[in-house]
Protein backbone atom coordinates (compact mmCIF):
# COMPACT_ATOMS: atom_id res chain seq x y z
CA MET A 1 0.00 0.00 0.00
CA SER A 2 1.41 3.38 -0.94
CA ARG A 3 2.01 6.10 1.58
CA LYS A 4 -0.56 8.47 -0.04
CA VAL A 5 -3.35 5.86 0.09
CA GLY A 6 -2.45 5.06 3.70
CA LYS A 7 -2.80 8.72 4.71
CA GLN A 8 -6.16 8.96 2.94
CA LEU A 9 -7.43 5.90 4.79
CA ILE A 10 -6.31 7.38 8.11
CA TRP A 11 -8.13 10.65 7.39
CA LEU A 12 -11.29 8.80 6.35
CA SER A 13 -11.13 6.68 9.51
CA LEU A 14 -10.75 9.78 11.67
CA LEU A 15 -13.62 11.51 9.90
CA PHE A 16 -15.84 8.45 10.34
CA LEU A 17 -14.86 8.08 14.00
CA THR A 18 -15.52 11.79 14.69
CA ALA A 19 -18.94 11.58 13.04
CA ASN A 20 -19.89 8.49 15.05
CA LEU A 21 -18.73 10.01 18.33
CA ALA A 22 -20.61 13.25 17.65
CA THR A 23 -23.79 11.34 16.81
CA ALA A 24 -23.49 9.10 19.88
CA ALA A 25 -22.99 12.13 22.12
CA GLY A 26 -26.11 13.82 20.65
CA ASN A 27 -24.05 16.55 19.00
CA THR A 28 -25.14 16.34 15.37
CA GLU A 29 -23.78 19.73 14.30
CA ASN A 30 -20.35 18.35 13.36
CA ALA A 31 -21.60 15.04 12.02
CA PRO A 32 -21.44 15.10 8.21
CA SER A 33 -24.13 12.48 7.73
CA ALA A 34 -26.61 14.02 10.19
CA LYS A 35 -30.02 14.61 8.62
CA PRO A 36 -31.72 17.95 9.25
CA GLN A 37 -34.77 17.89 11.44
CA VAL A 38 -37.96 18.09 9.37
CA PRO A 39 -40.73 20.10 10.99
CA ALA A 40 -43.99 18.29 11.63
CA ARG A 41 -46.57 18.50 8.86
CA PRO A 42 -49.60 20.63 9.54
CA ALA A 43 -52.91 18.79 9.63
CA PRO A 44 -54.31 18.55 6.10
CA HIS A 45 -57.56 20.21 5.14
CA GLU A 46 -60.49 17.82 5.36
CA ASP A 47 -61.01 17.83 1.54
CA PHE A 48 -57.39 16.82 0.86
CA ILE A 49 -55.50 13.60 1.37
CA ASP A 50 -51.93 13.53 2.69
CA GLU A 51 -50.13 13.96 -0.65
CA GLY A 52 -52.06 17.13 -1.44
CA VAL A 53 -54.38 15.52 -3.98
CA LEU A 54 -58.07 16.26 -3.84
CA GLU A 55 -60.23 13.38 -2.61
CA SER A 56 -63.21 14.90 -4.34
CA ASP A 57 -63.95 17.98 -6.35
CA SER A 58 -67.27 18.61 -4.60
CA GLY A 59 -65.95 21.85 -3.12
CA LEU A 60 -64.77 23.18 -6.49
CA GLU A 61 -67.22 24.91 -8.74
CA GLY A 62 -67.24 23.24 -12.16
CA GLY A 63 -64.77 20.49 -11.24
CA LEU A 64 -61.10 20.31 -12.15
CA GLU A 65 -60.35 21.46 -15.68
CA ILE A 66 -57.43 23.24 -17.26
CA GLN A 67 -58.53 25.95 -19.64
CA GLY A 68 -56.23 27.54 -22.15
CA LEU A 69 -53.43 24.99 -22.35
CA MET A 70 -50.55 25.83 -24.73
CA THR A 71 -47.78 23.36 -25.43
CA ASP A 72 -44.42 23.97 -27.08
CA GLN A 73 -43.15 21.06 -29.15
CA THR A 74 -40.57 23.00 -31.13
CA VAL A 75 -36.96 21.89 -31.43
CA THR A 76 -34.92 24.71 -32.97
CA LYS A 77 -34.12 28.28 -32.00
CA PHE A 78 -36.47 29.52 -34.72
CA GLY A 79 -39.30 27.30 -33.46
CA HIS A 80 -38.79 28.50 -29.89
CA GLU A 81 -38.77 32.10 -31.14
CA PHE A 82 -42.09 31.48 -32.91
CA PHE A 83 -43.64 29.98 -29.76
CA ASP A 84 -42.37 32.86 -27.60
CA ALA A 85 -43.75 35.44 -30.03
CA PHE A 86 -47.03 33.52 -30.29
CA THR A 87 -47.54 33.38 -26.52
CA HIS A 88 -46.53 37.02 -26.18
CA ALA A 89 -49.15 38.05 -28.76
CA TRP A 90 -51.83 35.69 -27.39
CA ARG A 91 -54.66 37.15 -25.36
CA PRO A 92 -56.80 34.51 -23.60
CA ILE A 93 -60.57 34.57 -23.82
CA GLU A 94 -62.24 34.21 -20.42
CA GLY A 95 -64.28 31.05 -20.00
CA VAL A 96 -63.22 29.41 -23.26
CA SER A 97 -61.56 26.00 -23.08
CA TYR A 98 -58.90 25.29 -25.70
CA ASP A 99 -55.71 23.36 -26.30
CA ILE A 100 -53.13 24.99 -28.57
CA LYS A 101 -50.08 23.06 -29.66
CA VAL A 102 -47.14 24.56 -31.56
CA SER A 103 -44.98 21.85 -33.12
CA GLU A 104 -42.07 21.86 -35.51
CA LEU A 105 -40.52 19.59 -38.10
CA PHE A 106 -36.99 20.57 -39.01
CA ASP A 107 -35.76 20.11 -42.58
CA PRO A 108 -32.11 21.06 -43.17
CA ILE A 109 -32.88 22.14 -46.74
CA ARG A 110 -36.20 23.98 -46.39
CA GLY A 111 -35.96 25.13 -42.78
CA SER A 112 -38.50 24.75 -39.99
CA LEU A 113 -42.06 23.67 -40.69
CA ILE A 114 -44.17 25.15 -37.90
CA ARG A 115 -47.64 23.74 -37.19
CA VAL A 116 -50.24 25.27 -34.90
CA THR A 117 -53.19 23.10 -33.88
CA LEU A 118 -56.29 24.09 -31.96
CA ASN A 119 -58.01 21.23 -30.09
CA ASP A 120 -56.15 18.72 -32.32
CA SER A 121 -57.35 20.43 -35.52
CA PRO A 122 -54.65 21.93 -37.75
CA MET A 123 -55.02 25.70 -37.96
CA TRP A 124 -51.78 26.93 -39.55
CA GLU A 125 -48.73 25.34 -41.12
CA SER A 126 -45.85 27.00 -42.89
CA TYR A 127 -42.10 27.01 -43.33
CA VAL A 128 -40.55 29.93 -41.51
CA THR A 129 -37.55 31.88 -42.65
CA PRO A 130 -34.64 32.29 -40.26
CA ARG A 131 -35.32 36.03 -39.92
CA PHE A 132 -36.56 36.79 -36.41
CA GLU A 133 -38.67 39.75 -37.49
CA ASP A 134 -40.56 37.58 -40.01
CA ILE A 135 -41.06 34.89 -37.36
CA ARG A 136 -42.45 37.41 -34.86
CA THR A 137 -44.78 38.92 -37.46
CA ALA A 138 -46.11 35.51 -38.52
CA ALA A 139 -46.61 34.39 -34.91
CA ALA A 140 -48.52 37.54 -34.02
CA ALA A 141 -50.77 37.16 -37.07
CA VAL A 142 -51.47 33.49 -36.30
CA ALA A 143 -52.26 34.29 -32.66
CA LYS A 144 -54.67 37.03 -33.75
CA ASP A 145 -56.40 34.77 -36.31
CA ILE A 146 -56.81 31.82 -33.94
CA ARG A 147 -58.11 34.09 -31.17
CA GLN A 148 -60.67 35.57 -33.57
CA LEU A 149 -61.73 32.08 -34.67
CA LEU A 150 -62.11 30.98 -31.04
CA LYS A 151 -64.07 34.09 -30.18
CA ASN A 152 -66.44 33.68 -33.15
CA THR A 153 -66.96 29.96 -32.45
CA TYR A 154 -67.60 30.62 -28.77
CA LEU A 155 -70.10 33.41 -29.45
CA GLN A 156 -71.98 31.35 -32.07
CA SER A 157 -72.30 28.18 -29.99
CA ASP A 158 -75.62 27.65 -28.25
CA GLU A 159 -74.05 26.09 -25.16
CA GLY A 160 -71.53 28.84 -24.56
CA GLY A 161 -68.53 26.53 -24.97
CA LEU A 162 -66.42 24.93 -27.63
CA TYR A 163 -67.13 21.50 -29.05
């Protein structure tokens, strides 16, 4: 055994011994493996179970539903720029449930094919140029058009909701 390895083993032994002595004496401040004390959990609300999940949605008006979900499935810098510009230009409509997905297929020759779907129906699809100003302009126009379509569909429906 080399001298360097021997010294390392001595230091590790001393560290281990010190930690065990500190733990045995009740002094856990110097013990490296001492776990911090976790404060006691407050009593959960009667409608919730321990993990914070609702047992029932009886106390919630209208149940649990996510309205206005937007997902980014882009892969390139230009796709992410489109999604950022789209979400920046988007103005949600109160009370309307929708799912908007922005996805991208990258082609090294043609560029990025951006697709925007509304509730799994294709709304817009186009190749975008790598100019950021063109991407921002296209994203703002698409956001405006889809919002107008949602608004018109929502106002024309008899039930006051989409689909």
